[in-house]
């Protein structure tokens, strides 16, 4: 078998690539929160989306997609099951009917209310596992990478 790149480079990437390590950590965190939030009937993505809608005024799709770092197509797909369950309602904006507003329903608010204690407990446990890494510094570093 011919290797275009020496195996030492493969090991270097495996051991040092920030993107690979961030992806692995993100997947592990997602699995952890998915399991924790299962009793509340939510996935971690659904929890994040419902939390993003928990505002004084219903937001439009664009700002929510930007906050969650996803495109509108992915956001639309994530909304569908929440709409079917009555947790979210998508309505045209009164000022511009082309704009869609995302409304957290009363049932959606109840789902969030039930999920928040689970999130708090899980989040605290994960922060405790960070050891000497300061959660505030980690969040700041990650936020710095996620802004254009």
Protein backbone atom coordinates (compact mmCIF):
# COMPACT_ATOMS: atom_id res chain seq x y z
CA UNK A 1 0.00 0.00 0.00
CA UNK A 2 1.33 3.39 -1.00
CA UNK A 3 1.13 6.21 1.51
CA UNK A 4 1.27 9.69 0.01
CA UNK A 5 2.01 11.16 3.43
CA UNK A 6 4.40 9.62 5.95
CA UNK A 7 2.67 7.90 8.86
CA UNK A 8 4.47 10.26 11.26
CA UNK A 9 2.36 13.11 9.80
CA UNK A 10 -0.80 11.08 10.46
CA UNK A 11 0.26 10.71 14.08
CA UNK A 12 1.10 14.42 14.31
CA UNK A 13 -2.35 15.37 13.02
CA UNK A 14 -4.04 12.85 15.33
CA UNK A 15 -2.23 14.23 18.34
CA UNK A 16 -2.21 17.97 17.61
CA UNK A 17 -5.04 18.94 15.25
CA UNK A 18 -7.28 21.43 17.06
CA UNK A 19 -10.13 20.79 14.63
CA UNK A 20 -10.05 17.04 15.22
CA UNK A 21 -9.90 17.48 18.99
CA UNK A 22 -12.73 20.04 18.97
CA UNK A 23 -14.89 17.75 16.80
CA UNK A 24 -14.27 14.78 19.08
CA UNK A 25 -15.05 16.83 22.19
CA UNK A 26 -18.18 18.29 20.58
CA UNK A 27 -19.46 14.83 19.67
CA UNK A 28 -18.73 13.49 23.15
CA UNK A 29 -20.49 16.45 24.77
CA UNK A 30 -23.46 16.06 22.42
CA UNK A 31 -23.79 12.36 23.28
CA UNK A 32 -23.51 13.15 26.99
CA UNK A 33 -26.19 15.86 26.90
CA UNK A 34 -28.41 13.76 24.60
CA UNK A 35 -28.39 10.97 27.16
CA UNK A 36 -28.95 13.36 30.07
CA UNK A 37 -31.84 15.22 28.38
CA UNK A 38 -33.57 12.05 27.10
CA UNK A 39 -35.88 11.87 30.17
CA UNK A 40 -37.07 15.40 29.30
CA UNK A 41 -37.85 14.24 25.77
CA UNK A 42 -35.24 16.48 24.15
CA UNK A 43 -31.93 16.17 22.38
CA UNK A 44 -29.14 18.63 23.11
CA UNK A 45 -29.82 20.36 19.76
CA UNK A 46 -33.50 20.68 20.55
CA UNK A 47 -32.70 22.06 23.99
CA UNK A 48 -30.33 24.64 22.48
CA UNK A 49 -32.92 25.63 19.89
CA UNK A 50 -35.72 25.99 22.42
CA UNK A 51 -33.39 28.02 24.65
CA UNK A 52 -32.54 30.26 21.66
CA UNK A 53 -36.27 30.93 21.25
CA UNK A 54 -36.79 31.77 24.92
CA UNK A 55 -36.88 35.55 24.38
CA UNK A 56 -39.29 38.38 25.09
CA UNK A 57 -40.10 38.61 21.36
CA UNK A 58 -40.08 35.75 18.83
CA UNK A 59 -36.92 35.88 16.70
CA UNK A 60 -36.66 35.44 12.95
CA UNK A 61 -34.96 32.37 11.52
CA UNK A 62 -31.77 34.16 10.42
CA UNK A 63 -30.58 35.29 13.85
CA UNK A 64 -31.41 31.91 15.41
CA UNK A 65 -29.52 30.06 12.68
CA UNK A 66 -26.53 32.38 13.22
CA UNK A 67 -26.61 31.90 17.01
CA UNK A 68 -26.67 28.13 16.61
CA UNK A 69 -24.02 28.21 13.84
CA UNK A 70 -26.21 26.37 11.35
CA UNK A 71 -27.69 27.14 7.96
CA UNK A 72 -31.40 27.82 7.55
CA UNK A 73 -32.01 24.44 5.93
CA UNK A 74 -30.61 22.63 8.96
CA UNK A 75 -32.61 24.88 11.27
CA UNK A 76 -35.80 24.14 9.32
CA UNK A 77 -35.16 20.39 9.65
CA UNK A 78 -34.55 20.77 13.40
CA UNK A 79 -37.77 22.76 13.81
CA UNK A 80 -40.06 20.17 12.15
CA UNK A 81 -40.28 17.62 14.99
CA UNK A 82 -40.61 20.43 17.54
CA UNK A 83 -43.49 21.90 15.53
CA UNK A 84 -45.19 18.50 15.32
CA UNK A 85 -44.93 18.17 19.11
CA UNK A 86 -46.38 21.65 19.58
CA UNK A 87 -43.25 23.04 21.24
CA UNK A 88 -42.58 25.62 18.53
CA UNK A 89 -44.74 27.51 16.07
CA UNK A 90 -43.44 29.16 12.89
CA UNK A 91 -45.48 32.18 11.87
CA UNK A 92 -45.15 34.98 9.31
CA UNK A 93 -43.95 38.31 10.72
CA UNK A 94 -46.70 40.93 10.75
CA UNK A 95 -44.46 43.59 9.15
CA UNK A 96 -43.06 41.33 6.41
CA UNK A 97 -44.94 38.11 5.66
CA UNK A 98 -41.83 36.67 3.94
CA UNK A 99 -40.02 36.66 7.29
CA UNK A 100 -40.75 33.70 9.55
CA UNK A 101 -40.84 34.16 13.31
CA UNK A 102 -40.08 31.27 15.64
CA UNK A 103 -42.45 31.18 18.59
CA UNK A 104 -41.77 29.14 21.70
CA UNK A 105 -45.19 27.78 22.68
CA UNK A 106 -46.41 27.26 26.23
CA UNK A 107 -45.64 23.54 25.83
CA UNK A 108 -42.15 24.45 24.62
CA UNK A 109 -41.64 26.63 27.67
CA UNK A 110 -42.75 23.74 29.89
CA UNK A 111 -40.29 21.41 28.13
CA UNK A 112 -37.50 23.90 28.78
CA UNK A 113 -38.56 24.33 32.39
CA UNK A 114 -38.33 20.55 32.87
CA UNK A 115 -34.98 20.29 31.05
CA UNK A 116 -33.12 23.15 32.76
CA UNK A 117 -32.45 21.30 36.07
CA UNK A 118 -31.07 18.37 34.06
CA UNK A 119 -28.90 20.73 32.02
CA UNK A 120 -27.62 22.48 35.17
CA UNK A 121 -26.64 19.21 36.84
CA UNK A 122 -25.02 17.80 33.70
CA UNK A 123 -23.22 21.05 32.92
CA UNK A 124 -21.82 21.30 36.45
CA UNK A 125 -20.56 17.71 36.28
CA UNK A 126 -18.81 18.35 32.97
CA UNK A 127 -17.23 21.57 34.23
CA UNK A 128 -15.94 19.65 37.26
CA UNK A 129 -14.23 17.19 34.88
CA UNK A 130 -12.21 20.00 33.29
CA UNK A 131 -9.74 19.96 36.16
CA UNK A 132 -7.34 22.89 35.94
CA UNK A 133 -8.95 24.27 32.77
CA UNK A 134 -11.05 27.29 33.67
CA UNK A 135 -14.52 27.03 32.05
CA UNK A 136 -14.67 30.80 31.51
CA UNK A 137 -11.34 30.79 29.69
CA UNK A 138 -12.36 27.78 27.61
CA UNK A 139 -15.65 29.45 26.59
CA UNK A 140 -13.79 32.66 25.69
CA UNK A 141 -11.26 30.77 23.56
CA UNK A 142 -13.99 28.83 21.77
CA UNK A 143 -16.03 32.00 21.23
CA UNK A 144 -12.96 33.65 19.73
CA UNK A 145 -12.70 30.83 17.22
CA UNK A 146 -16.38 30.96 16.32
CA UNK A 147 -16.56 34.64 15.44
CA UNK A 148 -15.61 35.71 11.93
